[in-house]
Structure formats: structure tokens, C-alpha cells
Amino acid sequence: MKSKRSTVFLIVCLLVAIALAGGLYYLLQKTDFSFLTQAEAAAESTPIATVEVTPTPEPTEEPAPKEVVISMIGDCTLASSQYDNSVDDFRSRN
């Protein structure tokens, strides 16, 4: 029974491989792979529409950066811990 399943599986795999190879062969035969020389390609190519390039405007002077001062005076959330320091509590108990 086991050898019969493996034989059927092998036949199915071979059929799939043959079908894929046939499909690939058909697509390659249908595709035109003719390569042109540079002279032929230049003769067949159409000119690309020209685009007018606008000149880049002169750069303006950058404004001076604004200074910002961050202060912790009078702000308890930044100056001290919001929670008790458990390490200091553990040290003070021992």
C-alpha cells in the first residue's frame, strides 16, 4: 500500500513537471527575443518630449535660531522623584 502511494505521487509530480516545462516552452516560443543594434534602435526610437527646466531660485538667508531655556525651578515633577526610592528605604532599614 505504501509503495502504491509513492508511485502515484511520483507520477503526479512528473505530470506537473511536464506541464510546467511545456508552459514555459510555449511562452518562450511566443516571445520575440530579437535584439537590435544601436543604429537600428536609434532609427526606431522616437524623440522624447522636451521639458523646460526652471532655474532654481536664489537661496534666502536662514533666520537666526530661537533660543529656548528649559528650567526646573519650581517644578517638583522634574526636580525630585515622583516615587519613593526603594533602594534608600531598604538601606535605611538594615
N, C-alpha and C. Protein backbone atom coordinates (compact mmCIF):
# COMPACT_ATOMS: atom_id res chain seq x y z
N MET A 1 0.82 -1.19 0.00
CA MET A 1 0.00 0.00 0.00
C MET A 1 0.87 1.26 0.00
N LYS A 2 1.97 1.20 0.76
CA LYS A 2 2.84 2.36 0.83
C LYS A 2 3.55 2.59 -0.50
N SER A 3 3.98 1.55 -1.15
CA SER A 3 4.67 1.71 -2.44
C SER A 3 3.71 2.19 -3.52
N LYS A 4 2.43 1.83 -3.42
CA LYS A 4 1.45 2.28 -4.40
C LYS A 4 1.24 3.79 -4.28
N ARG A 5 1.19 4.30 -3.03
CA ARG A 5 1.03 5.74 -2.81
C ARG A 5 2.25 6.51 -3.34
N SER A 6 3.43 5.97 -3.08
CA SER A 6 4.62 6.67 -3.54
C SER A 6 4.71 6.65 -5.06
N THR A 7 4.25 5.59 -5.69
CA THR A 7 4.25 5.52 -7.15
C THR A 7 3.28 6.54 -7.74
N VAL A 8 2.09 6.65 -7.14
CA VAL A 8 1.10 7.61 -7.61
C VAL A 8 1.63 9.03 -7.42
N PHE A 9 2.24 9.28 -6.28
CA PHE A 9 2.81 10.60 -6.00
C PHE A 9 3.91 10.94 -7.02
N LEU A 10 4.74 10.00 -7.36
CA LEU A 10 5.81 10.21 -8.33
C LEU A 10 5.24 10.52 -9.71
N ILE A 11 4.20 9.80 -10.11
CA ILE A 11 3.57 10.04 -11.42
C ILE A 11 2.94 11.43 -11.47
N VAL A 12 2.28 11.82 -10.38
CA VAL A 12 1.65 13.15 -10.32
C VAL A 12 2.72 14.23 -10.40
N CYS A 13 3.83 14.06 -9.70
CA CYS A 13 4.92 15.05 -9.74
C CYS A 13 5.51 15.15 -11.15
N LEU A 14 5.68 14.03 -11.81
CA LEU A 14 6.20 14.05 -13.18
C LEU A 14 5.25 14.76 -14.13
N LEU A 15 3.94 14.51 -13.99
CA LEU A 15 2.97 15.18 -14.85
C LEU A 15 2.97 16.69 -14.62
N VAL A 16 3.08 17.11 -13.37
CA VAL A 16 3.12 18.55 -13.07
C VAL A 16 4.38 19.17 -13.66
N ALA A 17 5.52 18.47 -13.53
CA ALA A 17 6.77 19.00 -14.06
C ALA A 17 6.71 19.10 -15.58
N ILE A 18 6.11 18.12 -16.24
CA ILE A 18 5.98 18.16 -17.70
C ILE A 18 5.07 19.30 -18.12
N ALA A 19 3.98 19.52 -17.38
CA ALA A 19 3.06 20.61 -17.71
C ALA A 19 3.74 21.96 -17.54
N LEU A 20 4.51 22.12 -16.47
CA LEU A 20 5.22 23.39 -16.26
C LEU A 20 6.27 23.62 -17.34
N ALA A 21 7.00 22.58 -17.69
CA ALA A 21 8.01 22.71 -18.74
C ALA A 21 7.37 23.05 -20.08
N GLY A 22 6.24 22.43 -20.39
CA GLY A 22 5.53 22.72 -21.64
C GLY A 22 5.02 24.16 -21.67
N GLY A 23 4.48 24.62 -20.57
CA GLY A 23 4.00 26.01 -20.50
C GLY A 23 5.13 27.00 -20.65
N LEU A 24 6.27 26.72 -20.02
CA LEU A 24 7.43 27.59 -20.14
C LEU A 24 7.96 27.60 -21.58
N TYR A 25 8.00 26.45 -22.20
CA TYR A 25 8.45 26.35 -23.59
C TYR A 25 7.52 27.15 -24.51
N TYR A 26 6.23 27.03 -24.28
CA TYR A 26 5.25 27.76 -25.10
C TYR A 26 5.44 29.27 -24.96
N LEU A 27 5.64 29.74 -23.72
CA LEU A 27 5.82 31.17 -23.50
C LEU A 27 7.12 31.68 -24.14
N LEU A 28 8.18 30.88 -24.07
CA LEU A 28 9.44 31.30 -24.66
C LEU A 28 9.37 31.31 -26.18
N GLN A 29 8.63 30.40 -26.77
CA GLN A 29 8.48 30.38 -28.23
C GLN A 29 7.62 31.55 -28.70
N LYS A 30 6.68 31.97 -27.88
CA LYS A 30 5.77 33.04 -28.23
C LYS A 30 6.46 34.41 -28.12
N THR A 31 7.45 34.53 -27.25
CA THR A 31 8.12 35.80 -27.01
C THR A 31 9.17 36.05 -28.08
N ASP A 32 9.24 37.30 -28.54
CA ASP A 32 10.22 37.68 -29.55
C ASP A 32 11.46 38.22 -28.84
N PHE A 33 12.57 37.53 -29.00
CA PHE A 33 13.81 37.93 -28.36
C PHE A 33 14.80 38.50 -29.36
N SER A 34 14.30 39.21 -30.36
CA SER A 34 15.22 39.77 -31.35
C SER A 34 15.87 41.02 -30.76
N PHE A 35 17.20 41.08 -30.86
CA PHE A 35 17.94 42.20 -30.32
C PHE A 35 18.36 43.11 -31.46
N LEU A 36 18.23 44.41 -31.22
CA LEU A 36 18.56 45.40 -32.23
C LEU A 36 19.96 45.93 -31.99
N THR A 37 20.60 46.33 -33.07
CA THR A 37 21.89 47.01 -32.93
C THR A 37 21.61 48.44 -32.50
N GLN A 38 22.64 49.18 -32.11
CA GLN A 38 22.44 50.55 -31.65
C GLN A 38 21.90 51.42 -32.78
N ALA A 39 22.36 51.20 -33.98
CA ALA A 39 21.90 52.01 -35.11
C ALA A 39 20.41 51.75 -35.38
N GLU A 40 20.00 50.49 -35.33
CA GLU A 40 18.58 50.18 -35.54
C GLU A 40 17.72 50.72 -34.43
N ALA A 41 18.20 50.62 -33.21
CA ALA A 41 17.43 51.13 -32.08
C ALA A 41 17.29 52.64 -32.15
N ALA A 42 18.35 53.33 -32.58
CA ALA A 42 18.30 54.79 -32.70
C ALA A 42 17.33 55.19 -33.81
N ALA A 43 17.29 54.41 -34.89
CA ALA A 43 16.39 54.73 -36.00
C ALA A 43 14.94 54.51 -35.61
N GLU A 44 14.66 53.50 -34.78
CA GLU A 44 13.28 53.19 -34.40
C GLU A 44 12.77 54.04 -33.24
N SER A 45 13.67 54.59 -32.47
CA SER A 45 13.23 55.31 -31.28
C SER A 45 12.63 56.65 -31.66
N THR A 46 11.66 57.06 -30.91
CA THR A 46 11.04 58.35 -31.13
C THR A 46 11.61 59.33 -30.12
N PRO A 47 11.75 60.58 -30.49
CA PRO A 47 12.32 61.55 -29.54
C PRO A 47 11.38 61.77 -28.37
N ILE A 48 11.98 61.94 -27.23
CA ILE A 48 11.20 62.17 -26.00
C ILE A 48 10.86 63.66 -25.95
N ALA A 49 9.67 63.97 -25.48
CA ALA A 49 9.24 65.36 -25.38
C ALA A 49 10.19 66.12 -24.46
N THR A 50 10.54 67.32 -24.87
CA THR A 50 11.46 68.11 -24.06
C THR A 50 10.70 68.79 -22.93
N VAL A 51 11.37 68.93 -21.82
CA VAL A 51 10.78 69.57 -20.66
C VAL A 51 11.58 70.82 -20.35
N GLU A 52 10.88 71.93 -20.16
CA GLU A 52 11.58 73.16 -19.83
C GLU A 52 11.96 73.12 -18.35
N VAL A 53 13.22 73.41 -18.10
CA VAL A 53 13.72 73.40 -16.73
C VAL A 53 13.71 74.82 -16.21
N THR A 54 13.04 75.02 -15.08
CA THR A 54 13.03 76.35 -14.47
C THR A 54 14.25 76.48 -13.57
N PRO A 55 14.90 77.61 -13.59
CA PRO A 55 16.09 77.77 -12.77
C PRO A 55 15.73 77.76 -11.28
N THR A 56 16.68 77.29 -10.50
CA THR A 56 16.48 77.24 -9.06
C THR A 56 16.58 78.66 -8.49
N PRO A 57 15.63 79.06 -7.67
CA PRO A 57 15.70 80.42 -7.12
C PRO A 57 16.88 80.55 -6.16
N GLU A 58 17.36 81.77 -6.02
CA GLU A 58 18.47 82.03 -5.11
C GLU A 58 18.06 81.70 -3.68
N PRO A 59 18.93 81.04 -2.94
CA PRO A 59 18.57 80.71 -1.56
C PRO A 59 18.48 81.97 -0.70
N THR A 60 17.48 81.97 0.16
CA THR A 60 17.32 83.11 1.06
C THR A 60 18.12 82.88 2.33
N GLU A 61 18.39 83.94 3.02
CA GLU A 61 19.18 83.84 4.25
C GLU A 61 18.34 83.15 5.33
N GLU A 62 18.95 82.21 6.02
CA GLU A 62 18.23 81.49 7.07
C GLU A 62 18.05 82.38 8.29
N PRO A 63 16.87 82.32 8.90
CA PRO A 63 16.67 83.13 10.10
C PRO A 63 17.51 82.59 11.26
N ALA A 64 17.83 83.46 12.18
CA ALA A 64 18.63 83.05 13.34
C ALA A 64 17.78 82.11 14.21
N PRO A 65 18.40 81.05 14.75
CA PRO A 65 17.63 80.12 15.58
C PRO A 65 17.18 80.79 16.87
N LYS A 66 15.99 80.43 17.30
CA LYS A 66 15.45 80.96 18.55
C LYS A 66 16.01 80.17 19.71
N GLU A 67 16.37 80.87 20.76
CA GLU A 67 16.90 80.21 21.94
C GLU A 67 15.75 79.85 22.87
N VAL A 68 15.79 78.63 23.38
CA VAL A 68 14.77 78.15 24.31
C VAL A 68 15.49 77.70 25.57
N VAL A 69 15.01 78.14 26.74
CA VAL A 69 15.61 77.77 28.02
C VAL A 69 14.62 76.90 28.77
N ILE A 70 15.07 75.71 29.17
CA ILE A 70 14.23 74.81 29.96
C ILE A 70 14.70 74.91 31.40
N SER A 71 13.79 75.23 32.28
CA SER A 71 14.14 75.42 33.68
C SER A 71 13.34 74.46 34.55
N MET A 72 13.98 73.94 35.59
CA MET A 72 13.30 73.04 36.51
C MET A 72 12.96 73.75 37.83
N ILE A 73 13.16 75.03 37.92
CA ILE A 73 12.91 75.76 39.17
C ILE A 73 11.42 75.81 39.41
N GLY A 74 11.01 75.35 40.58
CA GLY A 74 9.61 75.39 40.98
C GLY A 74 8.79 74.23 40.44
N ASP A 75 9.38 73.31 39.74
CA ASP A 75 8.65 72.17 39.19
C ASP A 75 9.08 70.92 39.95
N CYS A 76 8.22 70.43 40.81
CA CYS A 76 8.56 69.28 41.65
C CYS A 76 8.64 67.98 40.86
N THR A 77 7.97 67.90 39.75
CA THR A 77 8.00 66.65 38.99
C THR A 77 9.34 66.43 38.31
N LEU A 78 10.06 67.52 37.96
CA LEU A 78 11.35 67.36 37.31
C LEU A 78 12.50 67.35 38.31
N ALA A 79 12.34 68.05 39.43
CA ALA A 79 13.44 68.20 40.37
C ALA A 79 13.58 67.02 41.32
N SER A 80 12.51 66.31 41.58
CA SER A 80 12.60 65.19 42.51
C SER A 80 11.83 64.00 41.95
N SER A 81 12.09 62.88 42.56
CA SER A 81 11.44 61.66 42.10
C SER A 81 9.97 61.68 42.52
N GLN A 82 9.12 61.17 41.66
CA GLN A 82 7.70 61.11 41.99
C GLN A 82 7.39 59.95 42.92
N TYR A 83 8.26 58.98 42.96
CA TYR A 83 8.04 57.80 43.77
C TYR A 83 9.16 57.70 44.80
N ASP A 84 8.87 57.01 45.90
CA ASP A 84 9.92 56.80 46.89
C ASP A 84 11.00 55.92 46.31
N ASN A 85 12.22 56.19 46.68
CA ASN A 85 13.33 55.39 46.21
C ASN A 85 13.42 54.16 47.09
N SER A 86 13.06 53.02 46.56
CA SER A 86 13.01 51.79 47.35
C SER A 86 14.40 51.33 47.77
N VAL A 87 15.43 51.68 47.04
CA VAL A 87 16.79 51.29 47.40
C VAL A 87 17.22 52.01 48.69
N ASP A 88 16.92 53.30 48.78
CA ASP A 88 17.26 54.05 50.00
C ASP A 88 16.47 53.53 51.19
N ASP A 89 15.21 53.19 51.00
CA ASP A 89 14.41 52.64 52.10
C ASP A 89 14.97 51.32 52.57
N PHE A 90 15.42 50.47 51.64
CA PHE A 90 15.97 49.17 52.02
C PHE A 90 17.27 49.34 52.80
N ARG A 91 18.09 50.29 52.40
CA ARG A 91 19.37 50.55 53.09
C ARG A 91 19.13 51.10 54.50
N SER A 92 18.13 51.99 54.63
CA SER A 92 17.90 52.58 55.94
C SER A 92 17.32 51.58 56.94
N ARG A 93 16.64 50.55 56.50
CA ARG A 93 16.09 49.53 57.39
C ARG A 93 17.16 48.60 57.90
N ASN A 94 18.18 48.34 57.15
CA ASN A 94 19.20 47.37 57.55
C ASN A 94 20.34 48.02 58.24
